Amino acid sequence: MRAVCITALAFGSLCFAADNPTINIVDQIVAKVNGDIGFDNGADPTQNQFALVGLSDSFNVTAIYEKHGISARLAYNWRAKYLAAINRGASRNPVYVAPFGTLDLDITYDITDRIAVSFEAINLTSEPLRTYGRDKSNLWFAQELKPRLLLGARYRF
């Protein structure tokens, strides 16, 4: 018999003081899924299988700075291998997504109270996207992802 157990914990805080107009927000969510719910790569390909798709471990860390009109955010997001589909091409072949991590940067500068300029860089590490079948050598899809750089300006009315 297959079973799944989901455990989650969430907590956060909002802190501010009258003598310091800076607001500090801290939020954290921790979730863990345990169970015998994976895809059996060695099973007979003519047999149907039940598996939960999209489940994996992930890790996120973010550093934020905001003072004197400068806002900066540096974030790293990582996700472990996960099962994306269980029946590719109606042939009962699984599709796995390889581990994937990105480093993102966002900087905003307030020139005046009404005008701000920003710079955003997404996937600074040029992490590629890969999907594969029963084995990593059974490549379904691969895409080179280069960093995306964005410049912006904002005017407040």
C-alpha atoms as a PDB file:
ATOM      1  CA  MET A   1       0.000   0.000   0.000  1.00  0.00           C
ATOM      2  CA  ARG A   2       1.350   3.417  -0.934  1.00  0.00           C
ATOM      3  CA  ALA A   3       1.089   6.311   1.481  1.00  0.00           C
ATOM      4  CA  VAL A   4       1.949   9.986   1.622  1.00  0.00           C
ATOM      5  CA  CYS A   5       2.519  12.189   4.643  1.00  0.00           C
ATOM      6  CA  ILE A   6       2.737  15.985   4.399  1.00  0.00           C
ATOM      7  CA  THR A   7       4.075  18.065   7.276  1.00  0.00           C
ATOM      8  CA  ALA A   8       4.187  21.865   7.113  1.00  0.00           C
ATOM      9  CA  LEU A   9       5.257  24.645   9.442  1.00  0.00           C
ATOM     10  CA  ALA A  10       4.832  28.366   8.765  1.00  0.00           C
ATOM     11  CA  PHE A  11       5.776  31.363  10.877  1.00  0.00           C
ATOM     12  CA  GLY A  12       6.588  35.006  10.360  1.00  0.00           C
ATOM     13  CA  SER A  13       6.933  38.372  12.000  1.00  0.00           C
ATOM     14  CA  LEU A  14       6.470  42.034  11.214  1.00  0.00           C
ATOM     15  CA  CYS A  15       8.630  44.428  13.225  1.00  0.00           C
ATOM     16  CA  PHE A  16       8.735  48.215  13.285  1.00  0.00           C
ATOM     17  CA  ALA A  17       9.404  50.975  15.800  1.00  0.00           C
ATOM     18  CA  ALA A  18       8.223  54.588  16.005  1.00  0.00           C
ATOM     19  CA  ASP A  19      11.792  55.900  16.223  1.00  0.00           C
ATOM     20  CA  ASN A  20      12.906  53.780  13.227  1.00  0.00           C
ATOM     21  CA  PRO A  21      10.678  53.928  10.122  1.00  0.00           C
ATOM     22  CA  THR A  22      12.274  50.789   8.661  1.00  0.00           C
ATOM     23  CA  ILE A  23       9.945  47.795   8.479  1.00  0.00           C
ATOM     24  CA  ASN A  24      11.490  44.346   8.770  1.00  0.00           C
ATOM     25  CA  ILE A  25       9.435  41.399   7.566  1.00  0.00           C
ATOM     26  CA  VAL A  26      10.543  37.819   8.071  1.00  0.00           C
ATOM     27  CA  ASP A  27       8.510  34.914   6.710  1.00  0.00           C
ATOM     28  CA  GLN A  28       9.485  31.277   6.564  1.00  0.00           C
ATOM     29  CA  ILE A  29       7.631  28.197   5.415  1.00  0.00           C
ATOM     30  CA  VAL A  30       8.990  24.715   5.874  1.00  0.00           C
ATOM     31  CA  ALA A  31       7.240  21.743   4.263  1.00  0.00           C
ATOM     32  CA  LYS A  32       8.305  18.119   3.940  1.00  0.00           C
ATOM     33  CA  VAL A  33       6.615  15.353   1.986  1.00  0.00           C
ATOM     34  CA  ASN A  34       7.459  11.713   2.721  1.00  0.00           C
ATOM     35  CA  GLY A  35       5.967   8.704   1.022  1.00  0.00           C
ATOM     36  CA  ASP A  36       6.255   5.775  -1.327  1.00  0.00           C
ATOM     37  CA  ILE A  37       4.882   7.736  -4.292  1.00  0.00           C
ATOM     38  CA  GLY A  38       7.701   7.693  -6.841  1.00  0.00           C
ATOM     39  CA  PHE A  39       7.908   6.193 -10.318  1.00  0.00           C
ATOM     40  CA  ASP A  40       9.583   2.784 -10.617  1.00  0.00           C
ATOM     41  CA  ASN A  41      11.990   3.145 -13.564  1.00  0.00           C
ATOM     42  CA  GLY A  42      12.655  -0.597 -13.578  1.00  0.00           C
ATOM     43  CA  ALA A  43       8.991  -1.612 -13.815  1.00  0.00           C
ATOM     44  CA  ASP A  44       7.478  -3.252 -16.888  1.00  0.00           C
ATOM     45  CA  PRO A  45       6.740  -0.407 -19.365  1.00  0.00           C
ATOM     46  CA  THR A  46       3.430  -2.070 -20.309  1.00  0.00           C
ATOM     47  CA  GLN A  47       2.053  -1.599 -16.783  1.00  0.00           C
ATOM     48  CA  ASN A  48       0.353   1.577 -15.539  1.00  0.00           C
ATOM     49  CA  GLN A  49       1.889   3.260 -12.489  1.00  0.00           C
ATOM     50  CA  PHE A  50       0.607   5.787  -9.988  1.00  0.00           C
ATOM     51  CA  ALA A  51       3.001   8.546  -8.973  1.00  0.00           C
ATOM     52  CA  LEU A  52       2.603  12.108  -7.714  1.00  0.00           C
ATOM     53  CA  VAL A  53       4.199  14.542 -10.162  1.00  0.00           C
ATOM     54  CA  GLY A  54       5.893  17.841  -9.321  1.00  0.00           C
ATOM     55  CA  LEU A  55       7.170  16.944  -5.837  1.00  0.00           C
ATOM     56  CA  SER A  56      10.785  17.706  -4.952  1.00  0.00           C
ATOM     57  CA  ASP A  57      13.051  19.319  -2.404  1.00  0.00           C
ATOM     58  CA  SER A  58      13.750  23.010  -2.831  1.00  0.00           C
ATOM     59  CA  PHE A  59      15.921  25.623  -1.170  1.00  0.00           C
ATOM     60  CA  ASN A  60      15.617  29.408  -1.293  1.00  0.00           C
ATOM     61  CA  VAL A  61      17.722  32.101   0.316  1.00  0.00           C
ATOM     62  CA  THR A  62      17.298  35.854  -0.116  1.00  0.00           C
ATOM     63  CA  ALA A  63      19.329  38.844   1.071  1.00  0.00           C
ATOM     64  CA  ILE A  64      17.553  42.221   1.111  1.00  0.00           C
ATOM     65  CA  TYR A  65      18.942  45.716   1.662  1.00  0.00           C
ATOM     66  CA  GLU A  66      16.838  48.884   1.774  1.00  0.00           C
ATOM     67  CA  LYS A  67      18.175  52.230   2.941  1.00  0.00           C
ATOM     68  CA  HIS A  68      18.728  55.792   1.677  1.00  0.00           C
ATOM     69  CA  GLY A  69      16.713  55.252  -1.511  1.00  0.00           C
ATOM     70  CA  ILE A  70      18.533  52.071  -2.504  1.00  0.00           C
ATOM     71  CA  SER A  71      16.715  48.737  -2.563  1.00  0.00           C
ATOM     72  CA  ALA A  72      18.598  45.566  -3.400  1.00  0.00           C
ATOM     73  CA  ARG A  73      17.611  41.924  -3.426  1.00  0.00           C
ATOM     74  CA  LEU A  74      19.864  38.945  -4.120  1.00  0.00           C
ATOM     75  CA  ALA A  75      18.098  35.563  -4.224  1.00  0.00           C
ATOM     76  CA  TYR A  76      19.171  31.988  -4.910  1.00  0.00           C
ATOM     77  CA  ASN A  77      16.483  29.395  -5.663  1.00  0.00           C
ATOM     78  CA  TRP A  78      17.203  25.692  -6.135  1.00  0.00           C
ATOM     79  CA  ARG A  79      14.935  22.757  -6.884  1.00  0.00           C
ATOM     80  CA  ALA A  80      15.925  19.090  -6.878  1.00  0.00           C
ATOM     81  CA  LYS A  81      15.074  16.593  -9.613  1.00  0.00           C
ATOM     82  CA  TYR A  82      11.349  15.931  -9.906  1.00  0.00           C
ATOM     83  CA  LEU A  83       8.920  13.812 -11.892  1.00  0.00           C
ATOM     84  CA  ALA A  84       7.019  16.054 -14.338  1.00  0.00           C
ATOM     85  CA  ALA A  85       4.935  13.422 -16.195  1.00  0.00           C
ATOM     86  CA  ILE A  86       4.345   9.663 -16.125  1.00  0.00           C
ATOM     87  CA  ASN A  87       3.081   8.917 -19.632  1.00  0.00           C
ATOM     88  CA  ARG A  88       5.152  10.705 -22.280  1.00  0.00           C
ATOM     89  CA  GLY A  89       3.924   9.926 -25.757  1.00  0.00           C
ATOM     90  CA  ALA A  90       1.299   7.471 -24.424  1.00  0.00           C
ATOM     91  CA  SER A  91       4.133   4.966 -23.866  1.00  0.00           C
ATOM     92  CA  ARG A  92       4.237   5.006 -20.044  1.00  0.00           C
ATOM     93  CA  ASN A  93       7.631   6.718 -20.019  1.00  0.00           C
ATOM     94  CA  PRO A  94       8.394   9.164 -17.201  1.00  0.00           C
ATOM     95  CA  VAL A  95       9.669  12.700 -17.701  1.00  0.00           C
ATOM     96  CA  TYR A  96      12.053  14.030 -15.058  1.00  0.00           C
ATOM     97  CA  VAL A  97      13.253  17.621 -14.722  1.00  0.00           C
ATOM     98  CA  ALA A  98      16.925  17.865 -13.730  1.00  0.00           C
ATOM     99  CA  PRO A  99      17.970  19.880 -10.642  1.00  0.00           C
ATOM    100  CA  PHE A 100      17.798  23.588 -11.350  1.00  0.00           C
ATOM    101  CA  GLY A 101      19.154  26.635  -9.480  1.00  0.00           C
ATOM    102  CA  THR A 102      19.089  30.348 -10.285  1.00  0.00           C
ATOM    103  CA  LEU A 103      20.733  33.424  -8.833  1.00  0.00           C
ATOM    104  CA  ASP A 104      18.728  36.641  -9.290  1.00  0.00           C
ATOM    105  CA  LEU A 105      19.577  40.267  -8.524  1.00  0.00           C
ATOM    106  CA  ASP A 106      17.283  43.302  -8.338  1.00  0.00           C
ATOM    107  CA  ILE A 107      18.474  46.861  -7.571  1.00  0.00           C
ATOM    108  CA  THR A 108      16.306  49.986  -7.437  1.00  0.00           C
ATOM    109  CA  TYR A 109      17.478  53.554  -6.819  1.00  0.00           C
ATOM    110  CA  ASP A 110      15.104  56.413  -5.966  1.00  0.00           C
ATOM    111  CA  ILE A 111      16.474  59.461  -7.786  1.00  0.00           C
ATOM    112  CA  THR A 112      13.752  61.637  -6.238  1.00  0.00           C
ATOM    113  CA  ASP A 113      10.569  60.941  -4.278  1.00  0.00           C
ATOM    114  CA  ARG A 114       8.793  60.459  -7.635  1.00  0.00           C
ATOM    115  CA  ILE A 115      11.431  58.952  -9.957  1.00  0.00           C
ATOM    116  CA  ALA A 116      13.168  55.594  -9.559  1.00  0.00           C
ATOM    117  CA  VAL A 117      15.376  53.505 -11.842  1.00  0.00           C
ATOM    118  CA  SER A 118      15.870  49.763 -11.578  1.00  0.00           C
ATOM    119  CA  PHE A 119      18.081  46.956 -12.820  1.00  0.00           C
ATOM    120  CA  GLU A 120      17.097  43.286 -12.703  1.00  0.00           C
ATOM    121  CA  ALA A 121      19.225  40.264 -13.582  1.00  0.00           C
ATOM    122  CA  ILE A 122      17.563  36.834 -13.738  1.00  0.00           C
ATOM    123  CA  ASN A 123      19.513  33.540 -13.816  1.00  0.00           C
ATOM    124  CA  LEU A 124      22.986  35.048 -13.433  1.00  0.00           C
ATOM    125  CA  THR A 125      24.486  31.544 -13.343  1.00  0.00           C
ATOM    126  CA  SER A 126      23.158  30.639 -16.854  1.00  0.00           C
ATOM    127  CA  GLU A 127      21.601  27.458 -15.490  1.00  0.00           C
ATOM    128  CA  PRO A 128      20.222  25.240 -18.309  1.00  0.00           C
ATOM    129  CA  LEU A 129      16.863  23.449 -18.279  1.00  0.00           C
ATOM    130  CA  ARG A 130      16.937  19.680 -18.932  1.00  0.00           C
ATOM    131  CA  THR A 131      14.276  16.968 -18.985  1.00  0.00           C
ATOM    132  CA  TYR A 132      14.968  13.276 -19.419  1.00  0.00           C
ATOM    133  CA  GLY A 133      13.372   9.826 -19.290  1.00  0.00           C
ATOM    134  CA  ARG A 134      14.169   6.744 -17.227  1.00  0.00           C
ATOM    135  CA  ASP A 135      17.903   7.620 -17.230  1.00  0.00           C
ATOM    136  CA  LYS A 136      19.811  10.935 -17.475  1.00  0.00           C
ATOM    137  CA  SER A 137      21.243   9.753 -20.804  1.00  0.00           C
ATOM    138  CA  ASN A 138      17.666   9.516 -22.180  1.00  0.00           C
ATOM    139  CA  LEU A 139      17.434  13.274 -22.854  1.00  0.00           C
ATOM    140  CA  TRP A 140      13.995  14.610 -23.870  1.00  0.00           C
ATOM    141  CA  PHE A 141      14.679  18.347 -23.875  1.00  0.00           C
ATOM    142  CA  ALA A 142      17.582  20.707 -23.191  1.00  0.00           C
ATOM    143  CA  GLN A 143      17.607  24.491 -23.305  1.00  0.00           C
ATOM    144  CA  GLU A 144      20.510  26.834 -22.682  1.00  0.00           C
ATOM    145  CA  LEU A 145      19.216  29.686 -20.556  1.00  0.00           C
ATOM    146  CA  LYS A 146      21.282  32.867 -20.529  1.00  0.00           C
ATOM    147  CA  PRO A 147      20.842  35.652 -17.986  1.00  0.00           C
ATOM    148  CA  ARG A 148      17.996  38.061 -18.647  1.00  0.00           C
ATOM    149  CA  LEU A 149      18.876  41.692 -17.927  1.00  0.00           C
ATOM    150  CA  LEU A 150      16.175  44.324 -17.540  1.00  0.00           C
ATOM    151  CA  LEU A 151      16.367  48.085 -17.023  1.00  0.00           C
ATOM    152  CA  GLY A 152      13.391  50.061 -15.823  1.00  0.00           C
ATOM    153  CA  ALA A 153      12.212  53.475 -14.715  1.00  0.00           C
ATOM    154  CA  ARG A 154       9.193  54.452 -12.630  1.00  0.00           C
ATOM    155  CA  TYR A 155       7.422  57.761 -12.113  1.00  0.00           C
ATOM    156  CA  ARG A 156       4.979  58.170  -9.203  1.00  0.00           C
ATOM    157  CA  PHE A 157       2.084  60.595  -9.762  1.00  0.00           C
END
